[in-house]
C-alpha atoms as a PDB file:
ATOM      1  CA  UNK A   1       0.764 -19.143 -34.396  1.00  0.00           C
ATOM      2  CA  UNK A   2       2.757 -20.164 -31.364  1.00  0.00           C
ATOM      3  CA  UNK A   3       5.800 -18.130 -32.569  1.00  0.00           C
ATOM      4  CA  UNK A   4       3.867 -15.010 -31.505  1.00  0.00           C
ATOM      5  CA  UNK A   5       4.221 -15.982 -27.939  1.00  0.00           C
ATOM      6  CA  UNK A   6       8.032 -16.360 -28.115  1.00  0.00           C
ATOM      7  CA  UNK A   7       8.705 -12.631 -27.152  1.00  0.00           C
ATOM      8  CA  UNK A   8       6.398 -13.253 -24.043  1.00  0.00           C
ATOM      9  CA  UNK A   9       8.025 -16.343 -23.165  1.00  0.00           C
ATOM     10  CA  UNK A  10      11.610 -14.771 -23.354  1.00  0.00           C
ATOM     11  CA  UNK A  11      10.262 -11.726 -21.315  1.00  0.00           C
ATOM     12  CA  UNK A  12       8.953 -14.077 -18.604  1.00  0.00           C
ATOM     13  CA  UNK A  13      12.165 -16.254 -18.554  1.00  0.00           C
ATOM     14  CA  UNK A  14      14.406 -13.167 -18.164  1.00  0.00           C
ATOM     15  CA  UNK A  15      12.161 -11.712 -15.383  1.00  0.00           C
ATOM     16  CA  UNK A  16      12.349 -15.033 -13.385  1.00  0.00           C
ATOM     17  CA  UNK A  17      16.039 -15.261 -14.236  1.00  0.00           C
ATOM     18  CA  UNK A  18      16.951 -11.881 -13.039  1.00  0.00           C
ATOM     19  CA  UNK A  19      14.854 -12.338  -9.815  1.00  0.00           C
ATOM     20  CA  UNK A  20      16.619 -15.620  -9.010  1.00  0.00           C
ATOM     21  CA  UNK A  21      20.033 -14.297  -9.913  1.00  0.00           C
ATOM     22  CA  UNK A  22      19.515 -11.236  -7.421  1.00  0.00           C
ATOM     23  CA  UNK A  23      17.995 -13.395  -4.786  1.00  0.00           C
ATOM     24  CA  UNK A  24      21.029 -15.554  -5.011  1.00  0.00           C
ATOM     25  CA  UNK A  25      23.546 -12.796  -5.033  1.00  0.00           C
ATOM     26  CA  UNK A  26      21.951 -11.188  -2.024  1.00  0.00           C
ATOM     27  CA  UNK A  27      22.001 -14.629  -0.120  1.00  0.00           C
ATOM     28  CA  UNK A  28      25.683 -15.421  -1.249  1.00  0.00           C
ATOM     29  CA  UNK A  29      27.186 -11.860  -0.727  1.00  0.00           C
ATOM     30  CA  UNK A  30      25.302 -10.625   2.245  1.00  0.00           C
ATOM     31  CA  UNK A  31      26.653 -10.484   5.728  1.00  0.00           C
ATOM     32  CA  UNK A  32      25.041 -12.686   8.393  1.00  0.00           C
ATOM     33  CA  UNK A  33      25.518 -11.116  11.778  1.00  0.00           C
ATOM     34  CA  UNK A  34      22.452 -12.079  13.824  1.00  0.00           C
ATOM     35  CA  UNK A  35      22.019 -10.566  17.353  1.00  0.00           C
ATOM     36  CA  UNK A  36      19.246 -10.479  19.710  1.00  0.00           C
ATOM     37  CA  UNK A  37      17.268  -7.572  18.043  1.00  0.00           C
ATOM     38  CA  UNK A  38      17.576  -9.186  14.578  1.00  0.00           C
ATOM     39  CA  UNK A  39      16.178 -12.584  15.789  1.00  0.00           C
ATOM     40  CA  UNK A  40      13.381 -11.241  18.096  1.00  0.00           C
ATOM     41  CA  UNK A  41       9.805 -11.544  16.792  1.00  0.00           C
ATOM     42  CA  UNK A  42       8.340  -8.390  15.593  1.00  0.00           C
ATOM     43  CA  UNK A  43       4.923  -7.439  14.358  1.00  0.00           C
ATOM     44  CA  UNK A  44       2.800  -4.257  13.785  1.00  0.00           C
ATOM     45  CA  UNK A  45       4.972  -1.857  15.596  1.00  0.00           C
ATOM     46  CA  UNK A  46       5.181  -3.495  19.034  1.00  0.00           C
ATOM     47  CA  UNK A  47       6.603  -6.540  20.726  1.00  0.00           C
ATOM     48  CA  UNK A  48       4.927  -9.902  20.538  1.00  0.00           C
ATOM     49  CA  UNK A  49       2.668 -10.819  23.585  1.00  0.00           C
ATOM     50  CA  UNK A  50       1.890 -14.302  25.039  1.00  0.00           C
ATOM     51  CA  UNK A  51      -1.779 -14.294  23.878  1.00  0.00           C
ATOM     52  CA  UNK A  52      -2.107 -14.081  20.070  1.00  0.00           C
ATOM     53  CA  UNK A  53      -5.801 -13.149  20.382  1.00  0.00           C
ATOM     54  CA  UNK A  54      -5.168  -9.788  22.048  1.00  0.00           C
ATOM     55  CA  UNK A  55      -7.128  -7.230  20.473  1.00  0.00           C
ATOM     56  CA  UNK A  56      -5.207  -4.214  18.600  1.00  0.00           C
ATOM     57  CA  UNK A  57      -5.440  -0.778  19.658  1.00  0.00           C
ATOM     58  CA  UNK A  58      -8.017   1.111  17.527  1.00  0.00           C
ATOM     59  CA  UNK A  59      -5.612   3.590  16.217  1.00  0.00           C
ATOM     60  CA  UNK A  60      -4.058   0.880  14.258  1.00  0.00           C
ATOM     61  CA  UNK A  61      -7.077   0.521  12.117  1.00  0.00           C
ATOM     62  CA  UNK A  62      -7.691   4.258  11.960  1.00  0.00           C
ATOM     63  CA  UNK A  63      -4.432   4.907  10.425  1.00  0.00           C
ATOM     64  CA  UNK A  64      -5.078   2.084   7.990  1.00  0.00           C
ATOM     65  CA  UNK A  65      -8.282   3.946   6.962  1.00  0.00           C
ATOM     66  CA  UNK A  66      -6.653   7.120   6.712  1.00  0.00           C
ATOM     67  CA  UNK A  67      -3.988   5.575   4.316  1.00  0.00           C
ATOM     68  CA  UNK A  68      -6.800   4.118   2.254  1.00  0.00           C
ATOM     69  CA  UNK A  69      -8.778   7.368   2.125  1.00  0.00           C
ATOM     70  CA  UNK A  70      -5.813   9.336   0.929  1.00  0.00           C
ATOM     71  CA  UNK A  71      -4.646   6.673  -1.484  1.00  0.00           C
ATOM     72  CA  UNK A  72      -8.060   6.465  -3.148  1.00  0.00           C
ATOM     73  CA  UNK A  73      -8.204  10.203  -3.514  1.00  0.00           C
ATOM     74  CA  UNK A  74      -4.770  10.393  -5.343  1.00  0.00           C
ATOM     75  CA  UNK A  75      -5.613   7.401  -7.449  1.00  0.00           C
ATOM     76  CA  UNK A  76      -8.760   8.897  -8.700  1.00  0.00           C
ATOM     77  CA  UNK A  77      -7.623  12.691  -8.803  1.00  0.00           C
ATOM     78  CA  UNK A  78      -4.940  12.258 -11.477  1.00  0.00           C
ATOM     79  CA  UNK A  79      -7.249  10.680 -14.299  1.00  0.00           C
ATOM     80  CA  UNK A  80     -10.045  12.844 -13.428  1.00  0.00           C
ATOM     81  CA  UNK A  81      -7.765  16.054 -13.955  1.00  0.00           C
ATOM     82  CA  UNK A  82      -6.605  14.775 -17.322  1.00  0.00           C
ATOM     83  CA  UNK A  83     -10.074  14.387 -18.694  1.00  0.00           C
ATOM     84  CA  UNK A  84     -11.962  17.160 -16.970  1.00  0.00           C
ATOM     85  CA  UNK A  85     -12.280  19.036 -20.156  1.00  0.00           C
ATOM     86  CA  UNK A  86     -13.947  16.103 -21.871  1.00  0.00           C
ATOM     87  CA  UNK A  87     -16.480  15.113 -19.034  1.00  0.00           C
ATOM     88  CA  UNK A  88     -17.794  18.578 -18.148  1.00  0.00           C
ATOM     89  CA  UNK A  89     -19.904  19.548 -15.314  1.00  0.00           C
ATOM     90  CA  UNK A  90     -21.295  16.032 -14.683  1.00  0.00           C
ATOM     91  CA  UNK A  91     -17.802  14.868 -14.152  1.00  0.00           C
ATOM     92  CA  UNK A  92     -17.135  17.909 -11.870  1.00  0.00           C
ATOM     93  CA  UNK A  93     -20.142  17.265  -9.794  1.00  0.00           C
ATOM     94  CA  UNK A  94     -19.436  13.382  -9.438  1.00  0.00           C
ATOM     95  CA  UNK A  95     -15.980  14.349  -8.306  1.00  0.00           C
ATOM     96  CA  UNK A  96     -17.104  16.854  -5.779  1.00  0.00           C
ATOM     97  CA  UNK A  97     -19.435  14.161  -4.340  1.00  0.00           C
ATOM     98  CA  UNK A  98     -16.660  11.625  -4.034  1.00  0.00           C
ATOM     99  CA  UNK A  99     -14.356  14.147  -2.452  1.00  0.00           C
ATOM    100  CA  UNK A 100     -17.297  15.153  -0.047  1.00  0.00           C
ATOM    101  CA  UNK A 101     -17.364  11.454   1.011  1.00  0.00           C
ATOM    102  CA  UNK A 102     -13.698  11.408   1.531  1.00  0.00           C
ATOM    103  CA  UNK A 103     -13.914  14.672   3.652  1.00  0.00           C
ATOM    104  CA  UNK A 104     -16.575  12.788   5.867  1.00  0.00           C
ATOM    105  CA  UNK A 105     -14.091   9.931   6.367  1.00  0.00           C
ATOM    106  CA  UNK A 106     -11.330  12.268   7.144  1.00  0.00           C
ATOM    107  CA  UNK A 107     -13.542  14.175   9.788  1.00  0.00           C
ATOM    108  CA  UNK A 108     -14.320  10.838  11.227  1.00  0.00           C
ATOM    109  CA  UNK A 109     -10.590   9.986  11.549  1.00  0.00           C
ATOM    110  CA  UNK A 110      -9.912  13.480  13.105  1.00  0.00           C
ATOM    111  CA  UNK A 111     -12.781  12.920  15.678  1.00  0.00           C
ATOM    112  CA  UNK A 112     -11.398   9.569  16.668  1.00  0.00           C
ATOM    113  CA  UNK A 113      -8.043  11.098  17.266  1.00  0.00           C
ATOM    114  CA  UNK A 114      -6.098   9.189  14.571  1.00  0.00           C
ATOM    115  CA  UNK A 115      -4.149  12.471  13.758  1.00  0.00           C
ATOM    116  CA  UNK A 116      -2.746  12.731  17.337  1.00  0.00           C
ATOM    117  CA  UNK A 117       0.439  10.932  17.955  1.00  0.00           C
ATOM    118  CA  UNK A 118       1.760  10.197  21.440  1.00  0.00           C
END
């Protein structure tokens, strides 16, 4: 019975081996020229501040919400379009309700100014 798992074990070993080989090759063959820009701390698109509890600008979160809205939309639209003939009007109405909720989220983002870049 355990011989059925041999291909899975081989696949896992090849995957781990390939990952290790690529990481080691990058480490050994890569150039190391650190300068001030490369060694400076960087996070979330702006320089690090002294206080770690400083609040983020709300636009950062609004852009994240906008990404989630469009990511969900695309993730659900493709399978829905493939089976639209099979699910009929019920599926069509359910997707229109879903898209309506996403449009409400998009309008919220628009009103909050997440689409305006400075």
